[in-house]
Amino acid sequence: MKIQIYGRGCPRCHDLARNAEIALRELGRDVQVQHVTDISKITEKGVMLTPALIIDDDIISEGSILAVEELKKIIESRSK
């Protein structure tokens, strides 16, 4: 599983990344959360609002800070 946070490094991006890391830890998953801050890569991916959550190259959310519980459900559903 590959999890990425797309955004320029604003506090909202850090909040989403932190929540994703907490969710992964609580699920016992050893997955690194990657940060993509390069604006050309962000626009190339088609992200319109940041922060964006990308899992396995699919845009899962844009412009939202998902809660830990929401992220856990998303991660579990993508692992099946």
PDB file of N, CA and C in Angstrom:
ATOM      1  N   MET A   1       0.852  -1.173   0.000  1.00  0.00           N
ATOM      2  CA  MET A   1       0.000   0.000   0.000  1.00  0.00           C
ATOM      3  C   MET A   1       0.894   1.231   0.000  1.00  0.00           C
ATOM      4  N   LYS A   2       0.540   2.200  -0.833  1.00  0.00           N
ATOM      5  CA  LYS A   2       1.275   3.457  -0.916  1.00  0.00           C
ATOM      6  C   LYS A   2       0.324   4.594  -0.555  1.00  0.00           C
ATOM      7  N   ILE A   3       0.681   5.348   0.484  1.00  0.00           N
ATOM      8  CA  ILE A   3      -0.156   6.471   0.927  1.00  0.00           C
ATOM      9  C   ILE A   3       0.645   7.755   0.765  1.00  0.00           C
ATOM     10  N   GLN A   4       0.015   8.722   0.102  1.00  0.00           N
ATOM     11  CA  GLN A   4       0.663  10.005  -0.133  1.00  0.00           C
ATOM     12  C   GLN A   4      -0.274  11.136   0.258  1.00  0.00           C
ATOM     13  N   ILE A   5       0.328  12.201   0.763  1.00  0.00           N
ATOM     14  CA  ILE A   5      -0.391  13.443   1.037  1.00  0.00           C
ATOM     15  C   ILE A   5       0.140  14.472   0.049  1.00  0.00           C
ATOM     16  N   TYR A   6      -0.748  15.015  -0.770  1.00  0.00           N
ATOM     17  CA  TYR A   6      -0.378  16.048  -1.732  1.00  0.00           C
ATOM     18  C   TYR A   6      -0.755  17.401  -1.153  1.00  0.00           C
ATOM     19  N   GLY A   7       0.211  18.294  -1.104  1.00  0.00           N
ATOM     20  CA  GLY A   7      -0.018  19.642  -0.601  1.00  0.00           C
ATOM     21  C   GLY A   7       1.306  20.352  -0.409  1.00  0.00           C
ATOM     22  N   ARG A   8       1.255  21.643  -0.296  1.00  0.00           N
ATOM     23  CA  ARG A   8       2.460  22.459  -0.238  1.00  0.00           C
ATOM     24  C   ARG A   8       3.123  22.483   1.135  1.00  0.00           C
ATOM     25  N   GLY A   9       2.568  21.781   2.104  1.00  0.00           N
ATOM     26  CA  GLY A   9       3.183  21.727   3.428  1.00  0.00           C
ATOM     27  C   GLY A   9       2.507  22.615   4.452  1.00  0.00           C
ATOM     28  N   CYS A  10       1.276  22.984   4.184  1.00  0.00           N
ATOM     29  CA  CYS A  10       0.516  23.832   5.098  1.00  0.00           C
ATOM     30  C   CYS A  10       0.115  23.041   6.350  1.00  0.00           C
ATOM     31  N   PRO A  11      -0.356  23.723   7.380  1.00  0.00           N
ATOM     32  CA  PRO A  11      -0.784  23.017   8.595  1.00  0.00           C
ATOM     33  C   PRO A  11      -1.860  21.961   8.323  1.00  0.00           C
ATOM     34  N   ARG A  12      -2.766  22.225   7.395  1.00  0.00           N
ATOM     35  CA  ARG A  12      -3.811  21.239   7.070  1.00  0.00           C
ATOM     36  C   ARG A  12      -3.199  19.958   6.493  1.00  0.00           C
ATOM     37  N   CYS A  13      -2.164  20.111   5.677  1.00  0.00           N
ATOM     38  CA  CYS A  13      -1.475  18.950   5.109  1.00  0.00           C
ATOM     39  C   CYS A  13      -0.823  18.132   6.221  1.00  0.00           C
ATOM     40  N   HIS A  14      -0.202  18.823   7.152  1.00  0.00           N
ATOM     41  CA  HIS A  14       0.444  18.135   8.275  1.00  0.00           C
ATOM     42  C   HIS A  14      -0.590  17.437   9.157  1.00  0.00           C
ATOM     43  N   ASP A  15      -1.748  18.050   9.338  1.00  0.00           N
ATOM     44  CA  ASP A  15      -2.813  17.432  10.140  1.00  0.00           C
ATOM     45  C   ASP A  15      -3.306  16.141   9.482  1.00  0.00           C
ATOM     46  N   LEU A  16      -3.518  16.171   8.172  1.00  0.00           N
ATOM     47  CA  LEU A  16      -3.972  14.972   7.469  1.00  0.00           C
ATOM     48  C   LEU A  16      -2.909  13.882   7.546  1.00  0.00           C
ATOM     49  N   ALA A  17      -1.659  14.246   7.343  1.00  0.00           N
ATOM     50  CA  ALA A  17      -0.566  13.271   7.425  1.00  0.00           C
ATOM     51  C   ALA A  17      -0.481  12.661   8.816  1.00  0.00           C
ATOM     52  N   ARG A  18      -0.597  13.499   9.846  1.00  0.00           N
ATOM     53  CA  ARG A  18      -0.545  13.000  11.232  1.00  0.00           C
ATOM     54  C   ARG A  18      -1.692  12.018  11.479  1.00  0.00           C
ATOM     55  N   ASN A  19      -2.904  12.368  11.035  1.00  0.00           N
ATOM     56  CA  ASN A  19      -4.047  11.472  11.223  1.00  0.00           C
ATOM     57  C   ASN A  19      -3.842  10.154  10.486  1.00  0.00           C
ATOM     58  N   ALA A  20      -3.277  10.213   9.288  1.00  0.00           N
ATOM     59  CA  ALA A  20      -3.011   8.985   8.530  1.00  0.00           C
ATOM     60  C   ALA A  20      -1.992   8.119   9.253  1.00  0.00           C
ATOM     61  N   GLU A  21      -0.958   8.742   9.800  1.00  0.00           N
ATOM     62  CA  GLU A  21       0.057   7.995  10.536  1.00  0.00           C
ATOM     63  C   GLU A  21      -0.524   7.358  11.795  1.00  0.00           C
ATOM     64  N   ILE A  22      -1.394   8.070  12.481  1.00  0.00           N
ATOM     65  CA  ILE A  22      -2.049   7.514  13.676  1.00  0.00           C
ATOM     66  C   ILE A  22      -2.927   6.332  13.275  1.00  0.00           C
ATOM     67  N   ALA A  23      -3.695   6.491  12.213  1.00  0.00           N
ATOM     68  CA  ALA A  23      -4.577   5.408  11.749  1.00  0.00           C
ATOM     69  C   ALA A  23      -3.763   4.168  11.396  1.00  0.00           C
ATOM     70  N   LEU A  24      -2.679   4.356  10.677  1.00  0.00           N
ATOM     71  CA  LEU A  24      -1.831   3.226  10.302  1.00  0.00           C
ATOM     72  C   LEU A  24      -1.247   2.544  11.534  1.00  0.00           C
ATOM     73  N   ARG A  25      -0.793   3.340  12.483  1.00  0.00           N
ATOM     74  CA  ARG A  25      -0.223   2.787  13.719  1.00  0.00           C
ATOM     75  C   ARG A  25      -1.282   1.989  14.484  1.00  0.00           C
ATOM     76  N   GLU A  26      -2.493   2.550  14.599  1.00  0.00           N
ATOM     77  CA  GLU A  26      -3.551   1.859  15.334  1.00  0.00           C
ATOM     78  C   GLU A  26      -3.982   0.573  14.630  1.00  0.00           C
ATOM     79  N   LEU A  27      -3.841   0.530  13.310  1.00  0.00           N
ATOM     80  CA  LEU A  27      -4.178  -0.684  12.558  1.00  0.00           C
ATOM     81  C   LEU A  27      -3.013  -1.669  12.497  1.00  0.00           C
ATOM     82  N   GLY A  28      -1.864  -1.254  13.028  1.00  0.00           N
ATOM     83  CA  GLY A  28      -0.699  -2.124  13.017  1.00  0.00           C
ATOM     84  C   GLY A  28      -0.070  -2.270  11.649  1.00  0.00           C
ATOM     85  N   ARG A  29      -0.233  -1.268  10.814  1.00  0.00           N
ATOM     86  CA  ARG A  29       0.314  -1.307   9.459  1.00  0.00           C
ATOM     87  C   ARG A  29       1.657  -0.600   9.416  1.00  0.00           C
ATOM     88  N   ASP A  30       2.603  -1.211   8.741  1.00  0.00           N
ATOM     89  CA  ASP A  30       3.926  -0.622   8.584  1.00  0.00           C
ATOM     90  C   ASP A  30       4.010   0.012   7.188  1.00  0.00           C
ATOM     91  N   VAL A  31       3.372   1.160   7.056  1.00  0.00           N
ATOM     92  CA  VAL A  31       3.327   1.885   5.791  1.00  0.00           C
ATOM     93  C   VAL A  31       3.783   3.313   6.059  1.00  0.00           C
ATOM     94  N   GLN A  32       4.669   3.812   5.227  1.00  0.00           N
ATOM     95  CA  GLN A  32       5.140   5.187   5.351  1.00  0.00           C
ATOM     96  C   GLN A  32       4.184   6.119   4.613  1.00  0.00           C
ATOM     97  N   VAL A  33       3.927   7.268   5.184  1.00  0.00           N
ATOM     98  CA  VAL A  33       3.131   8.312   4.532  1.00  0.00           C
ATOM     99  C   VAL A  33       4.103   9.242   3.833  1.00  0.00           C
ATOM    100  N   GLN A  34       3.970   9.336   2.522  1.00  0.00           N
ATOM    101  CA  GLN A  34       4.844  10.195   1.733  1.00  0.00           C
ATOM    102  C   GLN A  34       4.188  11.550   1.517  1.00  0.00           C
ATOM    103  N   HIS A  35       5.012  12.587   1.507  1.00  0.00           N
ATOM    104  CA  HIS A  35       4.521  13.944   1.269  1.00  0.00           C
ATOM    105  C   HIS A  35       4.958  14.377  -0.132  1.00  0.00           C
ATOM    106  N   VAL A  36       4.006  14.856  -0.925  1.00  0.00           N
ATOM    107  CA  VAL A  36       4.309  15.386  -2.249  1.00  0.00           C
ATOM    108  C   VAL A  36       4.005  16.877  -2.204  1.00  0.00           C
ATOM    109  N   THR A  37       5.060  17.688  -2.288  1.00  0.00           N
ATOM    110  CA  THR A  37       4.896  19.135  -2.174  1.00  0.00           C
ATOM    111  C   THR A  37       5.184  19.878  -3.481  1.00  0.00           C
ATOM    112  N   ASP A  38       5.693  19.174  -4.469  1.00  0.00           N
ATOM    113  CA  ASP A  38       6.031  19.785  -5.752  1.00  0.00           C
ATOM    114  C   ASP A  38       4.742  20.138  -6.494  1.00  0.00           C
ATOM    115  N   ILE A  39       4.530  21.429  -6.736  1.00  0.00           N
ATOM    116  CA  ILE A  39       3.283  21.892  -7.345  1.00  0.00           C
ATOM    117  C   ILE A  39       3.056  21.276  -8.728  1.00  0.00           C
ATOM    118  N   SER A  40       4.111  21.032  -9.470  1.00  0.00           N
ATOM    119  CA  SER A  40       3.933  20.428 -10.794  1.00  0.00           C
ATOM    120  C   SER A  40       3.419  18.994 -10.672  1.00  0.00           C
ATOM    121  N   LYS A  41       3.875  18.264  -9.669  1.00  0.00           N
ATOM    122  CA  LYS A  41       3.385  16.894  -9.449  1.00  0.00           C
ATOM    123  C   LYS A  41       1.952  16.910  -8.931  1.00  0.00           C
ATOM    124  N   ILE A  42       1.634  17.904  -8.116  1.00  0.00           N
ATOM    125  CA  ILE A  42       0.273  18.028  -7.583  1.00  0.00           C
ATOM    126  C   ILE A  42      -0.709  18.282  -8.721  1.00  0.00           C
ATOM    127  N   THR A  43      -0.390  19.233  -9.577  1.00  0.00           N
ATOM    128  CA  THR A  43      -1.295  19.544 -10.694  1.00  0.00           C
ATOM    129  C   THR A  43      -1.307  18.428 -11.731  1.00  0.00           C
ATOM    130  N   GLU A  44      -0.159  17.799 -11.945  1.00  0.00           N
ATOM    131  CA  GLU A  44      -0.082  16.675 -12.885  1.00  0.00           C
ATOM    132  C   GLU A  44      -1.012  15.536 -12.464  1.00  0.00           C
ATOM    133  N   LYS A  45      -1.131  15.330 -11.158  1.00  0.00           N
ATOM    134  CA  LYS A  45      -2.001  14.274 -10.629  1.00  0.00           C
ATOM    135  C   LYS A  45      -3.473  14.638 -10.796  1.00  0.00           C
ATOM    136  N   GLY A  46      -3.757  15.940 -10.991  1.00  0.00           N
ATOM    137  CA  GLY A  46      -5.146  16.375 -11.135  1.00  0.00           C
ATOM    138  C   GLY A  46      -5.772  16.825  -9.835  1.00  0.00           C
ATOM    139  N   VAL A  47      -4.957  17.034  -8.820  1.00  0.00           N
ATOM    140  CA  VAL A  47      -5.458  17.489  -7.527  1.00  0.00           C
ATOM    141  C   VAL A  47      -5.859  18.956  -7.648  1.00  0.00           C
ATOM    142  N   MET A  48      -7.101  19.250  -7.263  1.00  0.00           N
ATOM    143  CA  MET A  48      -7.613  20.615  -7.342  1.00  0.00           C
ATOM    144  C   MET A  48      -7.581  21.326  -5.992  1.00  0.00           C
ATOM    145  N   LEU A  49      -7.730  20.572  -4.903  1.00  0.00           N
ATOM    146  CA  LEU A  49      -7.727  21.135  -3.550  1.00  0.00           C
ATOM    147  C   LEU A  49      -6.778  20.338  -2.671  1.00  0.00           C
ATOM    148  N   THR A  50      -6.034  21.051  -1.857  1.00  0.00           N
ATOM    149  CA  THR A  50      -5.158  20.368  -0.919  1.00  0.00           C
ATOM    150  C   THR A  50      -5.662  20.607   0.501  1.00  0.00           C
ATOM    151  N   PRO A  51      -5.359  19.728   1.402  1.00  0.00           N
ATOM    152  CA  PRO A  51      -4.564  18.527   1.212  1.00  0.00           C
ATOM    153  C   PRO A  51      -5.367  17.450   0.492  1.00  0.00           C
ATOM    154  N   ALA A  52      -4.633  16.611  -0.210  1.00  0.00           N
ATOM    155  CA  ALA A  52      -5.265  15.485  -0.896  1.00  0.00           C
ATOM    156  C   ALA A  52      -4.648  14.193  -0.375  1.00  0.00           C
ATOM    157  N   LEU A  53      -5.493  13.195  -0.212  1.00  0.00           N
ATOM    158  CA  LEU A  53      -5.051  11.869   0.207  1.00  0.00           C
ATOM    159  C   LEU A  53      -5.069  10.965  -1.020  1.00  0.00           C
ATOM    160  N   ILE A  54      -3.925  10.379  -1.315  1.00  0.00           N
ATOM    161  CA  ILE A  54      -3.780   9.475  -2.451  1.00  0.00           C
ATOM    162  C   ILE A  54      -3.372   8.116  -1.897  1.00  0.00           C
ATOM    163  N   ILE A  55      -4.135   7.083  -2.242  1.00  0.00           N
ATOM    164  CA  ILE A  55      -3.773   5.722  -1.846  1.00  0.00           C
ATOM    165  C   ILE A  55      -3.645   4.892  -3.108  1.00  0.00           C
ATOM    166  N   ASP A  56      -2.479   4.284  -3.267  1.00  0.00           N
ATOM    167  CA  ASP A  56      -2.187   3.461  -4.445  1.00  0.00           C
ATOM    168  C   ASP A  56      -2.536   4.199  -5.736  1.00  0.00           C
ATOM    169  N   ASP A  57      -2.158   5.453  -5.801  1.00  0.00           N
ATOM    170  CA  ASP A  57      -2.329   6.324  -6.976  1.00  0.00           C
ATOM    171  C   ASP A  57      -3.771   6.746  -7.245  1.00  0.00           C
ATOM    172  N   ASP A  58      -4.703   6.440  -6.361  1.00  0.00           N
ATOM    173  CA  ASP A  58      -6.097   6.890  -6.496  1.00  0.00           C
ATOM    174  C   ASP A  58      -6.347   8.064  -5.550  1.00  0.00           C
ATOM    175  N   ILE A  59      -6.976   9.115  -6.061  1.00  0.00           N
ATOM    176  CA  ILE A  59      -7.335  10.246  -5.212  1.00  0.00           C
ATOM    177  C   ILE A  59      -8.521   9.822  -4.354  1.00  0.00           C
ATOM    178  N   ILE A  60      -8.332   9.831  -3.045  1.00  0.00           N
ATOM    179  CA  ILE A  60      -9.365   9.422  -2.098  1.00  0.00           C
ATOM    180  C   ILE A  60     -10.132  10.633  -1.583  1.00  0.00           C
ATOM    181  N   SER A  61      -9.426  11.707  -1.285  1.00  0.00           N
ATOM    182  CA  SER A  61     -10.083  12.922  -0.807  1.00  0.00           C
ATOM    183  C   SER A  61      -9.252  14.138  -1.192  1.00  0.00           C
ATOM    184  N   GLU A  62      -9.938  15.262  -1.311  1.00  0.00           N
ATOM    185  CA  GLU A  62      -9.278  16.536  -1.602  1.00  0.00           C
ATOM    186  C   GLU A  62      -9.890  17.611  -0.719  1.00  0.00           C
ATOM    187  N   GLY A  63      -9.037  18.451  -0.162  1.00  0.00           N
ATOM    188  CA  GLY A  63      -9.492  19.602   0.594  1.00  0.00           C
ATOM    189  C   GLY A  63     -10.038  19.308   1.975  1.00  0.00           C
ATOM    190  N   SER A  64      -9.863  18.080   2.454  1.00  0.00           N
ATOM    191  CA  SER A  64     -10.413  17.696   3.758  1.00  0.00           C
ATOM    192  C   SER A  64      -9.328  17.114   4.657  1.00  0.00           C
ATOM    193  N   ILE A  65      -9.521  17.339   5.940  1.00  0.00           N
ATOM    194  CA  ILE A  65      -8.681  16.674   6.933  1.00  0.00           C
ATOM    195  C   ILE A  65      -9.527  15.539   7.488  1.00  0.00           C
ATOM    196  N   LEU A  66      -9.292  14.355   6.982  1.00  0.00           N
ATOM    197  CA  LEU A  66     -10.068  13.203   7.423  1.00  0.00           C
ATOM    198  C   LEU A  66      -9.674  12.819   8.843  1.00  0.00           C
ATOM    199  N   ALA A  67     -10.664  12.421   9.622  1.00  0.00           N
ATOM    200  CA  ALA A  67     -10.436  11.989  10.991  1.00  0.00           C
ATOM    201  C   ALA A  67      -9.770  10.611  11.000  1.00  0.00           C
ATOM    202  N   VAL A  68      -9.135  10.286  12.101  1.00  0.00           N
ATOM    203  CA  VAL A  68      -8.435   9.015  12.239  1.00  0.00           C
ATOM    204  C   VAL A  68      -9.374   7.841  11.966  1.00  0.00           C
ATOM    205  N   GLU A  69     -10.564   7.874  12.534  1.00  0.00           N
ATOM    206  CA  GLU A  69     -11.507   6.768  12.339  1.00  0.00           C
ATOM    207  C   GLU A  69     -11.918   6.627  10.876  1.00  0.00           C
ATOM    208  N   GLU A  70     -12.124   7.746  10.188  1.00  0.00           N
ATOM    209  CA  GLU A  70     -12.450   7.705   8.757  1.00  0.00           C
ATOM    210  C   GLU A  70     -11.299   7.071   7.979  1.00  0.00           C
ATOM    211  N   LEU A  71     -10.093   7.481   8.307  1.00  0.00           N
ATOM    212  CA  LEU A  71      -8.921   6.949   7.624  1.00  0.00           C
ATOM    213  C   LEU A  71      -8.752   5.460   7.873  1.00  0.00           C
ATOM    214  N   LYS A  72      -9.022   5.019   9.072  1.00  0.00           N
ATOM    215  CA  LYS A  72      -8.922   3.591   9.372  1.00  0.00           C
ATOM    216  C   LYS A  72      -9.891   2.791   8.507  1.00  0.00           C
ATOM    217  N   LYS A  73     -11.109   3.280   8.371  1.00  0.00           N
ATOM    218  CA  LYS A  73     -12.099   2.588   7.533  1.00  0.00           C
ATOM    219  C   LYS A  73     -11.650   2.543   6.080  1.00  0.00           C
ATOM    220  N   ILE A  74     -11.126   3.654   5.588  1.00  0.00           N
ATOM    221  CA  ILE A  74     -10.650   3.720   4.205  1.00  0.00           C
ATOM    222  C   ILE A  74      -9.492   2.761   3.985  1.00  0.00           C
ATOM    223  N   ILE A  75      -8.534   2.774   4.886  1.00  0.00           N
ATOM    224  CA  ILE A  75      -7.361   1.902   4.762  1.00  0.00           C
ATOM    225  C   ILE A  75      -7.776   0.435   4.817  1.00  0.00           C
ATOM    226  N   GLU A  76      -8.648   0.087   5.744  1.00  0.00           N
ATOM    227  CA  GLU A  76      -9.116  -1.296   5.846  1.00  0.00           C
ATOM    228  C   GLU A  76      -9.839  -1.731   4.584  1.00  0.00           C
ATOM    229  N   SER A  77     -10.679  -0.846   4.027  1.00  0.00           N
ATOM    230  CA  SER A  77     -11.435  -1.226   2.832  1.00  0.00           C
ATOM    231  C   SER A  77     -10.530  -1.376   1.613  1.00  0.00           C
ATOM    232  N   ARG A  78      -9.425  -0.629   1.575  1.00  0.00           N
ATOM    233  CA  ARG A  78      -8.494  -0.715   0.456  1.00  0.00           C
ATOM    234  C   ARG A  78      -7.569  -1.917   0.576  1.00  0.00           C
ATOM    235  N   SER A  79      -7.535  -2.548   1.734  1.00  0.00           N
ATOM    236  CA  SER A  79      -6.625  -3.674   1.969  1.00  0.00           C
ATOM    237  C   SER A  79      -7.260  -5.016   1.642  1.00  0.00           C
ATOM    238  N   LYS A  80      -8.519  -5.007   1.281  1.00  0.00           N
ATOM    239  CA  LYS A  80      -9.215  -6.287   1.051  1.00  0.00           C
ATOM    240  C   LYS A  80      -9.052  -6.759  -0.369  1.00  0.00           C
TER     241      LYS A  80
END
